[in-house]
Amino acid sequence: MLQFEVRFLKDICDSTGHPHTVVQRAVRVDAGTPDEALVMAQALFCASERISNWTIRASACDARPLAPVAAIAPPVRPAARPPRRASGPR
């Protein structure tokens, strides 16, 4: 199974009338496909908001797969520098 982040988005206008898309909620679910993730997240969203249809509170939703934890590379540390030699006559 893959892990997906499903975002519920709402289109709103600011005080000057300019449209913006905002994230209403983001849900992480384990699913086999993006479509399965959307269905599962929509059910969770409806249950948490106590509504029958997720489109009452959101304009759209999207599912993005998350990278498995093992696929995330650890931070790279800089290599140790060799000791400096003193300059000058020997």
PDB file of N, CA and C in Angstrom:
ATOM      1  N   MET A   1       0.834  -1.185   0.000  1.00  0.00           N
ATOM      2  CA  MET A   1       0.000   0.000   0.000  1.00  0.00           C
ATOM      3  C   MET A   1       0.877   1.246   0.000  1.00  0.00           C
ATOM      4  N   LEU A   2       0.358   2.258  -0.595  1.00  0.00           N
ATOM      5  CA  LEU A   2       1.023   3.554  -0.622  1.00  0.00           C
ATOM      6  C   LEU A   2       0.332   4.497   0.350  1.00  0.00           C
ATOM      7  N   GLN A   3       1.045   5.515   0.748  1.00  0.00           N
ATOM      8  CA  GLN A   3       0.435   6.549   1.580  1.00  0.00           C
ATOM      9  C   GLN A   3       0.224   7.782   0.709  1.00  0.00           C
ATOM     10  N   PHE A   4      -0.967   8.357   0.817  1.00  0.00           N
ATOM     11  CA  PHE A   4      -1.330   9.534   0.037  1.00  0.00           C
ATOM     12  C   PHE A   4      -1.702  10.671   0.971  1.00  0.00           C
ATOM     13  N   GLU A   5      -1.442  11.890   0.502  1.00  0.00           N
ATOM     14  CA  GLU A   5      -1.970  13.071   1.174  1.00  0.00           C
ATOM     15  C   GLU A   5      -3.084  13.602   0.293  1.00  0.00           C
ATOM     16  N   VAL A   6      -4.278  13.664   0.847  1.00  0.00           N
ATOM     17  CA  VAL A   6      -5.438  14.182   0.119  1.00  0.00           C
ATOM     18  C   VAL A   6      -5.755  15.552   0.691  1.00  0.00           C
ATOM     19  N   ARG A   7      -5.773  16.551  -0.181  1.00  0.00           N
ATOM     20  CA  ARG A   7      -6.066  17.925   0.248  1.00  0.00           C
ATOM     21  C   ARG A   7      -7.459  18.312  -0.225  1.00  0.00           C
ATOM     22  N   PHE A   8      -8.204  18.933   0.658  1.00  0.00           N
ATOM     23  CA  PHE A   8      -9.512  19.474   0.321  1.00  0.00           C
ATOM     24  C   PHE A   8      -9.355  20.982   0.155  1.00  0.00           C
ATOM     25  N   LEU A   9      -9.701  21.472  -1.019  1.00  0.00           N
ATOM     26  CA  LEU A   9      -9.452  22.859  -1.406  1.00  0.00           C
ATOM     27  C   LEU A   9     -10.751  23.630  -1.530  1.00  0.00           C
ATOM     28  N   LYS A  10     -10.694  24.912  -1.231  1.00  0.00           N
ATOM     29  CA  LYS A  10     -11.858  25.797  -1.339  1.00  0.00           C
ATOM     30  C   LYS A  10     -11.449  27.052  -2.090  1.00  0.00           C
ATOM     31  N   ASP A  11     -12.218  27.429  -3.085  1.00  0.00           N
ATOM     32  CA  ASP A  11     -11.987  28.672  -3.816  1.00  0.00           C
ATOM     33  C   ASP A  11     -12.730  29.793  -3.102  1.00  0.00           C
ATOM     34  N   ILE A  12     -11.975  30.826  -2.718  1.00  0.00           N
ATOM     35  CA  ILE A  12     -12.577  31.968  -2.032  1.00  0.00           C
ATOM     36  C   ILE A  12     -12.049  33.259  -2.642  1.00  0.00           C
ATOM     37  N   CYS A  13     -12.710  34.355  -2.363  1.00  0.00           N
ATOM     38  CA  CYS A  13     -12.255  35.678  -2.803  1.00  0.00           C
ATOM     39  C   CYS A  13     -11.813  36.465  -1.572  1.00  0.00           C
ATOM     40  N   ASP A  14     -10.727  37.227  -1.742  1.00  0.00           N
ATOM     41  CA  ASP A  14     -10.272  38.053  -0.628  1.00  0.00           C
ATOM     42  C   ASP A  14     -11.080  39.345  -0.584  1.00  0.00           C
ATOM     43  N   SER A  15     -10.698  40.255   0.292  1.00  0.00           N
ATOM     44  CA  SER A  15     -11.461  41.482   0.488  1.00  0.00           C
ATOM     45  C   SER A  15     -11.445  42.401  -0.735  1.00  0.00           C
ATOM     46  N   THR A  16     -10.501  42.169  -1.655  1.00  0.00           N
ATOM     47  CA  THR A  16     -10.455  42.982  -2.876  1.00  0.00           C
ATOM     48  C   THR A  16     -11.100  42.276  -4.060  1.00  0.00           C
ATOM     49  N   GLY A  17     -11.643  41.083  -3.815  1.00  0.00           N
ATOM     50  CA  GLY A  17     -12.323  40.352  -4.879  1.00  0.00           C
ATOM     51  C   GLY A  17     -11.437  39.412  -5.673  1.00  0.00           C
ATOM     52  N   HIS A  18     -10.167  39.301  -5.306  1.00  0.00           N
ATOM     53  CA  HIS A  18      -9.257  38.408  -6.024  1.00  0.00           C
ATOM     54  C   HIS A  18      -9.439  36.969  -5.541  1.00  0.00           C
ATOM     55  N   PRO A  19      -9.555  36.026  -6.473  1.00  0.00           N
ATOM     56  CA  PRO A  19      -9.771  34.629  -6.078  1.00  0.00           C
ATOM     57  C   PRO A  19      -8.493  33.968  -5.567  1.00  0.00           C
ATOM     58  N   HIS A  20      -8.671  33.077  -4.584  1.00  0.00           N
ATOM     59  CA  HIS A  20      -7.574  32.300  -4.023  1.00  0.00           C
ATOM     60  C   HIS A  20      -8.087  30.896  -3.741  1.00  0.00           C
ATOM     61  N   THR A  21      -7.192  29.939  -3.826  1.00  0.00           N
ATOM     62  CA  THR A  21      -7.514  28.571  -3.442  1.00  0.00           C
ATOM     63  C   THR A  21      -6.814  28.288  -2.120  1.00  0.00           C
ATOM     64  N   VAL A  22      -7.566  27.865  -1.123  1.00  0.00           N
ATOM     65  CA  VAL A  22      -7.008  27.574   0.197  1.00  0.00           C
ATOM     66  C   VAL A  22      -7.251  26.101   0.535  1.00  0.00           C
ATOM     67  N   VAL A  23      -6.381  25.566   1.352  1.00  0.00           N
ATOM     68  CA  VAL A  23      -6.525  24.189   1.807  1.00  0.00           C
ATOM     69  C   VAL A  23      -7.429  24.187   3.036  1.00  0.00           C
ATOM     70  N   GLN A  24      -8.560  23.500   2.926  1.00  0.00           N
ATOM     71  CA  GLN A  24      -9.473  23.377   4.065  1.00  0.00           C
ATOM     72  C   GLN A  24      -8.955  22.350   5.059  1.00  0.00           C
ATOM     73  N   ARG A  25      -8.444  21.239   4.520  1.00  0.00           N
ATOM     74  CA  ARG A  25      -7.935  20.161   5.364  1.00  0.00           C
ATOM     75  C   ARG A  25      -7.063  19.257   4.524  1.00  0.00           C
ATOM     76  N   ALA A  26      -6.082  18.661   5.149  1.00  0.00           N
ATOM     77  CA  ALA A  26      -5.239  17.657   4.495  1.00  0.00           C
ATOM     78  C   ALA A  26      -5.330  16.373   5.319  1.00  0.00           C
ATOM     79  N   VAL A  27      -5.508  15.254   4.629  1.00  0.00           N
ATOM     80  CA  VAL A  27      -5.677  13.961   5.281  1.00  0.00           C
ATOM     81  C   VAL A  27      -4.671  12.988   4.683  1.00  0.00           C
ATOM     82  N   ARG A  28      -4.016  12.184   5.528  1.00  0.00           N
ATOM     83  CA  ARG A  28      -3.123  11.131   5.044  1.00  0.00           C
ATOM     84  C   ARG A  28      -3.843   9.797   5.163  1.00  0.00           C
ATOM     85  N   VAL A  29      -3.843   9.045   4.065  1.00  0.00           N
ATOM     86  CA  VAL A  29      -4.494   7.736   4.056  1.00  0.00           C
ATOM     87  C   VAL A  29      -3.592   6.727   3.349  1.00  0.00           C
ATOM     88  N   ASP A  30      -3.732   5.467   3.728  1.00  0.00           N
ATOM     89  CA  ASP A  30      -3.066   4.367   3.052  1.00  0.00           C
ATOM     90  C   ASP A  30      -4.052   3.766   2.061  1.00  0.00           C
ATOM     91  N   ALA A  31      -3.646   3.689   0.798  1.00  0.00           N
ATOM     92  CA  ALA A  31      -4.529   3.167  -0.242  1.00  0.00           C
ATOM     93  C   ALA A  31      -3.684   2.595  -1.373  1.00  0.00           C
ATOM     94  N   GLY A  32      -4.320   1.800  -2.220  1.00  0.00           N
ATOM     95  CA  GLY A  32      -3.628   1.200  -3.343  1.00  0.00           C
ATOM     96  C   GLY A  32      -3.492   2.124  -4.538  1.00  0.00           C
ATOM     97  N   THR A  33      -4.472   3.018  -4.724  1.00  0.00           N
ATOM     98  CA  THR A  33      -4.474   3.931  -5.870  1.00  0.00           C
ATOM     99  C   THR A  33      -4.918   5.318  -5.416  1.00  0.00           C
ATOM    100  N   PRO A  34      -4.637   6.337  -6.224  1.00  0.00           N
ATOM    101  CA  PRO A  34      -5.118   7.686  -5.877  1.00  0.00           C
ATOM    102  C   PRO A  34      -6.641   7.752  -5.773  1.00  0.00           C
ATOM    103  N   ASP A  35      -7.347   7.012  -6.637  1.00  0.00           N
ATOM    104  CA  ASP A  35      -8.816   7.025  -6.571  1.00  0.00           C
ATOM    105  C   ASP A  35      -9.323   6.436  -5.256  1.00  0.00           C
ATOM    106  N   GLU A  36      -8.706   5.348  -4.809  1.00  0.00           N
ATOM    107  CA  GLU A  36      -9.090   4.775  -3.518  1.00  0.00           C
ATOM    108  C   GLU A  36      -8.796   5.752  -2.387  1.00  0.00           C
ATOM    109  N   ALA A  37      -7.667   6.456  -2.481  1.00  0.00           N
ATOM    110  CA  ALA A  37      -7.308   7.437  -1.456  1.00  0.00           C
ATOM    111  C   ALA A  37      -8.341   8.556  -1.391  1.00  0.00           C
ATOM    112  N   LEU A  38      -8.809   9.015  -2.554  1.00  0.00           N
ATOM    113  CA  LEU A  38      -9.819  10.072  -2.574  1.00  0.00           C
ATOM    114  C   LEU A  38     -11.109   9.620  -1.905  1.00  0.00           C
ATOM    115  N   VAL A  39     -11.555   8.410  -2.219  1.00  0.00           N
ATOM    116  CA  VAL A  39     -12.807   7.901  -1.638  1.00  0.00           C
ATOM    117  C   VAL A  39     -12.675   7.778  -0.121  1.00  0.00           C
ATOM    118  N   MET A  40     -11.544   7.230   0.341  1.00  0.00           N
ATOM    119  CA  MET A  40     -11.348   7.070   1.783  1.00  0.00           C
ATOM    120  C   MET A  40     -11.277   8.420   2.484  1.00  0.00           C
ATOM    121  N   ALA A  41     -10.531   9.355   1.907  1.00  0.00           N
ATOM    122  CA  ALA A  41     -10.379  10.675   2.528  1.00  0.00           C
ATOM    123  C   ALA A  41     -11.691  11.453   2.511  1.00  0.00           C
ATOM    124  N   GLN A  42     -12.467  11.309   1.450  1.00  0.00           N
ATOM    125  CA  GLN A  42     -13.753  11.996   1.399  1.00  0.00           C
ATOM    126  C   GLN A  42     -14.672  11.492   2.506  1.00  0.00           C
ATOM    127  N   ALA A  43     -14.648  10.190   2.768  1.00  0.00           N
ATOM    128  CA  ALA A  43     -15.468   9.631   3.853  1.00  0.00           C
ATOM    129  C   ALA A  43     -14.991  10.162   5.208  1.00  0.00           C
ATOM    130  N   LEU A  44     -13.666  10.232   5.415  1.00  0.00           N
ATOM    131  CA  LEU A  44     -13.129  10.777   6.665  1.00  0.00           C
ATOM    132  C   LEU A  44     -13.484  12.259   6.832  1.00  0.00           C
ATOM    133  N   PHE A  45     -13.388  13.010   5.746  1.00  0.00           N
ATOM    134  CA  PHE A  45     -13.707  14.438   5.774  1.00  0.00           C
ATOM    135  C   PHE A  45     -15.172  14.644   6.155  1.00  0.00           C
ATOM    136  N   CYS A  46     -16.052  13.890   5.521  1.00  0.00           N
ATOM    137  CA  CYS A  46     -17.489  14.017   5.826  1.00  0.00           C
ATOM    138  C   CYS A  46     -17.782  13.653   7.275  1.00  0.00           C
ATOM    139  N   ALA A  47     -17.154  12.597   7.765  1.00  0.00           N
ATOM    140  CA  ALA A  47     -17.386  12.186   9.151  1.00  0.00           C
ATOM    141  C   ALA A  47     -16.874  13.240  10.127  1.00  0.00           C
ATOM    142  N   SER A  48     -15.693  13.792   9.868  1.00  0.00           N
ATOM    143  CA  SER A  48     -15.137  14.768  10.803  1.00  0.00           C
ATOM    144  C   SER A  48     -15.894  16.091  10.786  1.00  0.00           C
ATOM    145  N   GLU A  49     -16.441  16.449   9.630  1.00  0.00           N
ATOM    146  CA  GLU A  49     -17.206  17.697   9.515  1.00  0.00           C
ATOM    147  C   GLU A  49     -18.698  17.503   9.799  1.00  0.00           C
ATOM    148  N   ARG A  50     -19.092  16.247   9.967  1.00  0.00           N
ATOM    149  CA  ARG A  50     -20.509  15.887  10.200  1.00  0.00           C
ATOM    150  C   ARG A  50     -21.413  16.411   9.081  1.00  0.00           C
ATOM    151  N   ILE A  51     -20.973  16.114   7.844  1.00  0.00           N
ATOM    152  CA  ILE A  51     -21.746  16.499   6.659  1.00  0.00           C
ATOM    153  C   ILE A  51     -21.928  15.262   5.785  1.00  0.00           C
ATOM    154  N   SER A  52     -22.874  15.321   4.866  1.00  0.00           N
ATOM    155  CA  SER A  52     -23.144  14.162   4.013  1.00  0.00           C
ATOM    156  C   SER A  52     -22.390  14.214   2.693  1.00  0.00           C
ATOM    157  N   ASN A  53     -21.926  15.407   2.292  1.00  0.00           N
ATOM    158  CA  ASN A  53     -21.245  15.551   1.011  1.00  0.00           C
ATOM    159  C   ASN A  53     -20.080  16.522   1.190  1.00  0.00           C
ATOM    160  N   TRP A  54     -18.860  16.079   0.845  1.00  0.00           N
ATOM    161  CA  TRP A  54     -17.670  16.896   1.064  1.00  0.00           C
ATOM    162  C   TRP A  54     -17.697  18.207   0.283  1.00  0.00           C
ATOM    163  N   THR A  55     -18.481  18.281  -0.815  1.00  0.00           N
ATOM    164  CA  THR A  55     -18.519  19.505  -1.630  1.00  0.00           C
ATOM    165  C   THR A  55     -19.262  20.649  -0.931  1.00  0.00           C
ATOM    166  N   ILE A  56     -19.881  20.364   0.205  1.00  0.00           N
ATOM    167  CA  ILE A  56     -20.500  21.438   0.985  1.00  0.00           C
ATOM    168  C   ILE A  56     -19.416  22.371   1.539  1.00  0.00           C
ATOM    169  N   ARG A  57     -18.244  21.800   1.896  1.00  0.00           N
ATOM    170  CA  ARG A  57     -17.182  22.582   2.520  1.00  0.00           C
ATOM    171  C   ARG A  57     -15.960  22.808   1.636  1.00  0.00           C
ATOM    172  N   ALA A  58     -15.844  22.073   0.531  1.00  0.00           N
ATOM    173  CA  ALA A  58     -14.652  22.188  -0.320  1.00  0.00           C
ATOM    174  C   ALA A  58     -15.075  22.243  -1.786  1.00  0.00           C
ATOM    175  N   SER A  59     -14.242  22.911  -2.598  1.00  0.00           N
ATOM    176  CA  SER A  59     -14.513  23.021  -4.033  1.00  0.00           C
ATOM    177  C   SER A  59     -13.885  21.885  -4.821  1.00  0.00           C
ATOM    178  N   ALA A  60     -12.790  21.348  -4.302  1.00  0.00           N
ATOM    179  CA  ALA A  60     -12.066  20.291  -5.008  1.00  0.00           C
ATOM    180  C   ALA A  60     -11.224  19.508  -4.013  1.00  0.00           C
ATOM    181  N   CYS A  61     -10.728  18.357  -4.451  1.00  0.00           N
ATOM    182  CA  CYS A  61      -9.775  17.599  -3.648  1.00  0.00           C
ATOM    183  C   CYS A  61      -8.785  16.934  -4.589  1.00  0.00           C
ATOM    184  N   ASP A  62      -7.567  16.734  -4.088  1.00  0.00           N
ATOM    185  CA  ASP A  62      -6.558  16.056  -4.896  1.00  0.00           C
ATOM    186  C   ASP A  62      -5.761  15.111  -4.006  1.00  0.00           C
ATOM    187  N   ALA A  63      -5.197  14.074  -4.632  1.00  0.00           N
ATOM    188  CA  ALA A  63      -4.415  13.072  -3.914  1.00  0.00           C
ATOM    189  C   ALA A  63      -3.002  13.064  -4.469  1.00  0.00           C
ATOM    190  N   ARG A  64      -2.028  13.148  -3.551  1.00  0.00           N
ATOM    191  CA  ARG A  64      -0.623  13.096  -3.957  1.00  0.00           C
ATOM    192  C   ARG A  64       0.056  11.966  -3.186  1.00  0.00           C
ATOM    193  N   PRO A  65       0.775  11.091  -3.890  1.00  0.00           N
ATOM    194  CA  PRO A  65       1.483  10.026  -3.166  1.00  0.00           C
ATOM    195  C   PRO A  65       2.646  10.613  -2.365  1.00  0.00           C
ATOM    196  N   LEU A  66       2.857  10.063  -1.184  1.00  0.00           N
ATOM    197  CA  LEU A  66       3.972  10.477  -0.340  1.00  0.00           C
ATOM    198  C   LEU A  66       5.102   9.474  -0.520  1.00  0.00           C
ATOM    199  N   ALA A  67       6.315   9.950  -0.444  1.00  0.00           N
ATOM    200  CA  ALA A  67       7.470   9.070  -0.594  1.00  0.00           C
ATOM    201  C   ALA A  67       7.561   8.149   0.615  1.00  0.00           C
ATOM    202  N   PRO A  68       7.878   6.876   0.391  1.00  0.00           N
ATOM    203  CA  PRO A  68       8.081   5.980   1.536  1.00  0.00           C
ATOM    204  C   PRO A  68       9.237   6.492   2.395  1.00  0.00           C
ATOM    205  N   VAL A  69       9.177   6.223   3.667  1.00  0.00           N
ATOM    206  CA  VAL A  69      10.191   6.730   4.585  1.00  0.00           C
ATOM    207  C   VAL A  69      11.571   6.241   4.171  1.00  0.00           C
ATOM    208  N   ALA A  70      11.684   5.006   3.713  1.00  0.00           N
ATOM    209  CA  ALA A  70      12.984   4.456   3.319  1.00  0.00           C
ATOM    210  C   ALA A  70      13.540   5.158   2.084  1.00  0.00           C
ATOM    211  N   ALA A  71      12.683   5.771   1.284  1.00  0.00           N
ATOM    212  CA  ALA A  71      13.132   6.428   0.057  1.00  0.00           C
ATOM    213  C   ALA A  71      13.683   7.824   0.319  1.00  0.00           C
ATOM    214  N   ILE A  72      13.450   8.341   1.496  1.00  0.00           N
ATOM    215  CA  ILE A  72      13.946   9.674   1.819  1.00  0.00           C
ATOM    216  C   ILE A  72      15.389   9.537   2.281  1.00  0.00           C
ATOM    217  N   ALA A  73      16.282  10.166   1.570  1.00  0.00           N
ATOM    218  CA  ALA A  73      17.707  10.065   1.877  1.00  0.00           C
ATOM    219  C   ALA A  73      18.033  10.852   3.143  1.00  0.00           C
ATOM    220  N   PRO A  74      18.920  10.319   3.975  1.00  0.00           N
ATOM    221  CA  PRO A  74      19.325  11.076   5.169  1.00  0.00           C
ATOM    222  C   PRO A  74      20.129  12.297   4.757  1.00  0.00           C
ATOM    223  N   PRO A  75      20.204  13.299   5.605  1.00  0.00           N
ATOM    224  CA  PRO A  75      20.969  14.493   5.260  1.00  0.00           C
ATOM    225  C   PRO A  75      22.438  14.146   5.055  1.00  0.00           C
ATOM    226  N   VAL A  76      23.044  14.790   4.101  1.00  0.00           N
ATOM    227  CA  VAL A  76      24.451  14.548   3.796  1.00  0.00           C
ATOM    228  C   VAL A  76      25.297  15.480   4.647  1.00  0.00           C
ATOM    229  N   ARG A  77      26.252  14.898   5.351  1.00  0.00           N
ATOM    230  CA  ARG A  77      27.155  15.700   6.172  1.00  0.00           C
ATOM    231  C   ARG A  77      28.394  16.027   5.352  1.00  0.00           C
ATOM    232  N   PRO A  78      28.936  17.220   5.512  1.00  0.00           N
ATOM    233  CA  PRO A  78      30.143  17.553   4.764  1.00  0.00           C
ATOM    234  C   PRO A  78      31.301  16.657   5.196  1.00  0.00           C
ATOM    235  N   ALA A  79      32.175  16.349   4.244  1.00  0.00           N
ATOM    236  CA  ALA A  79      33.339  15.507   4.541  1.00  0.00           C
ATOM    237  C   ALA A  79      34.274  16.251   5.487  1.00  0.00           C
ATOM    238  N   ALA A  80      34.968  15.482   6.323  1.00  0.00           N
ATOM    239  CA  ALA A  80      35.924  16.088   7.254  1.00  0.00           C
ATOM    240  C   ALA A  80      37.079  16.688   6.459  1.00  0.00           C
ATOM    241  N   ARG A  81      37.522  17.842   6.871  1.00  0.00           N
ATOM    242  CA  ARG A  81      38.642  18.506   6.200  1.00  0.00           C
ATOM    243  C   ARG A  81      39.954  17.948   6.740  1.00  0.00           C
ATOM    244  N   PRO A  82      40.943  17.788   5.862  1.00  0.00           N
ATOM    245  CA  PRO A  82      42.254  17.344   6.368  1.00  0.00           C
ATOM    246  C   PRO A  82      42.888  18.450   7.198  1.00  0.00           C
ATOM    247  N   PRO A  83      43.758  18.104   8.135  1.00  0.00           N
ATOM    248  CA  PRO A  83      44.379  19.128   8.966  1.00  0.00           C
ATOM    249  C   PRO A  83      45.227  20.073   8.122  1.00  0.00           C
ATOM    250  N   ARG A  84      45.265  21.336   8.512  1.00  0.00           N
ATOM    251  CA  ARG A  84      46.040  22.339   7.773  1.00  0.00           C
ATOM    252  C   ARG A  84      47.496  22.227   8.166  1.00  0.00           C
ATOM    253  N   ARG A  85      48.324  22.404   7.187  1.00  0.00           N
ATOM    254  CA  ARG A  85      49.754  22.425   7.443  1.00  0.00           C
ATOM    255  C   ARG A  85      50.202  23.869   7.616  1.00  0.00           C
ATOM    256  N   ALA A  86      51.114  24.055   8.485  1.00  0.00           N
ATOM    257  CA  ALA A  86      51.642  25.396   8.691  1.00  0.00           C
ATOM    258  C   ALA A  86      52.470  25.783   7.478  1.00  0.00           C
ATOM    259  N   SER A  87      52.300  26.996   7.017  1.00  0.00           N
ATOM    260  CA  SER A  87      53.082  27.459   5.877  1.00  0.00           C
ATOM    261  C   SER A  87      54.339  28.169   6.363  1.00  0.00           C
ATOM    262  N   GLY A  88      55.334  28.173   5.538  1.00  0.00           N
ATOM    263  CA  GLY A  88      56.556  28.856   5.908  1.00  0.00           C
ATOM    264  C   GLY A  88      57.782  27.986   5.640  1.00  0.00           C
ATOM    265  N   PRO A  89      58.958  28.500   5.943  1.00  0.00           N
ATOM    266  CA  PRO A  89      60.188  27.739   5.672  1.00  0.00           C
ATOM    267  C   PRO A  89      60.311  26.524   6.575  1.00  0.00           C
ATOM    268  N   ARG A  90      60.946  25.510   6.060  1.00  0.00           N
ATOM    269  CA  ARG A  90      61.150  24.281   6.834  1.00  0.00           C
ATOM    270  C   ARG A  90      62.560  24.103   7.161  1.00  0.00           C
TER     271      ARG A  90
END
